[in-house]
Amino acid sequence: MSSTSTDQQNPPILRVPGMRALLGVSLLGFAGYALLLPTAPLWATRRGADEGGAGLVNAVLMLATVAFQTTVPWALRRWGWRTTLVIGVLLLGLPSFALVLTDQLAGILAVSAVRGAGFAIVTVCGASAIAELVDAARRGRAIGVYGLAVAGPQLVLVPSAAWIAESVDFRVVFVVGALPALAVPFAAALGRRLDEITRRAEAVSRDAGDEPRHTRGRVLLALVLPSLVLLAVTTPGGALLTFAPQFRHGAQVAVLGLLGFTAAAALSRLLIGAPADRFGPRRFVPPLLVLSAGGLVLCAWSLAETGPGAGVLAVGMTVVGVAYGSLQNLTLVSAFAAVPDRDRSVASAVWNIGFDTGTGLGSLVVGFIAAGTSFSVGLATTAVLCVLIAVVALVAPARAA
């Protein structure tokens, strides 16, 4: 009897009401994101842009994403989950059609900015939804499942998108890149469920009396360390995702390296969930940052003029992928644990800002370093960043204690 009651209270993650709709939004939303992540910068270079201009394409995407992520908690309070989510998937998907009509860098950047607004909504709402739908004791595993839905499209589409564009036609990728718009039914269903949860929580809060509200400064301070860790690993991740098709070993090696990177990220993000729930996330963070630095050193070595063969690049990218996926899960678990329940959307927004700032910095900074020196120097710089933040992660708990 008690076992049946427990099963009803804690159903399998995929049977939690609203979870499948969330996965539908995530799969279609990130499919559109993944298709254009390597292809839009490559399109810019084919139309005459240099490495710096190509880096701007994803940098603008992430800059717009970060800017709009700060407004998502307000939008959820003003419009509710359903309306906000539907707007998000439409803004992320429909502008992809415009790339069919433009080959100028300014037009490509404008499309990136609009898509960034939609991506901001999809990412903040997706992460926040996990905390609303699933109890804290199983949140690491739920984030792992959600992460698989996020990483799955990237596993298939990031390595193949640039190849499809060059072997078939860029316009094919741009049309299919509108896939997020097909997520409107899932967004509406998920939004309805989350609006119901929000109304119930507000009613309970009124009946019980408001809990003391943490100041916004205290909330943001609690999120500094998870954000720094995320920034350290997404900066090189963004560089690899953006520039792998332009590395000196050629398109076929880029496909292999991106496949290893995205597969390792997807699997590690899923598998780290249970250990994070059992032991807590912090003990895993410094070793994973050092692992990321080691993988980046291998990548930089392979891209040097006198470096080893393409196999080292693929191994290095796969190693980085392990840290990239694992740390996404661990930092999101840490972010939700660091704030009161009523500030979950703020934690999600800050976490996503860290993620997308890192991705944009990787695209922008490594692009400009490569334009002046080489990709090898750019990736080595991000390896140093990983080591520095690993030291901060080791020292911060001792100081807090």
Foldseek 3Di string as FASTA:
>chain_A
DVVVVVCVVAPPLCPQPLLVLLLLLQLLLLLLVLLVLQLLLVLLVVLPDALQLSLLLLLLLLVLLLVLLVCQVVCCVVPFQLVLLLLLLQQLFPLLLCVVVDSHSVSSSVSSNSNSNSVNSSQLCSLLLLPLRHPLLQSLLSQLVSLLSNLVSNLPNLLCSNVCCVVPNVNVSSNSSNRSNVSSVSSNSSRVVSRVSVVVVVVVCVVVDHDDADDPVQLVVLLVLLLLLLLLLLQQVLLLSHCLCVAPQHSVLSSLLSNLLSVLLSVLSNVVSVVCSVPNQLVPRLVLLLQLLVLLLQLLQCRDPPHDDSVSNSVSSNSSSNSNNNSLSRSSSSSCVRHDSVCSSVSSSSNSSSNSNSSSNNSNVCSVVCVVPRNSVSSNVSSVSSNVSSVVSVVVVVVVD
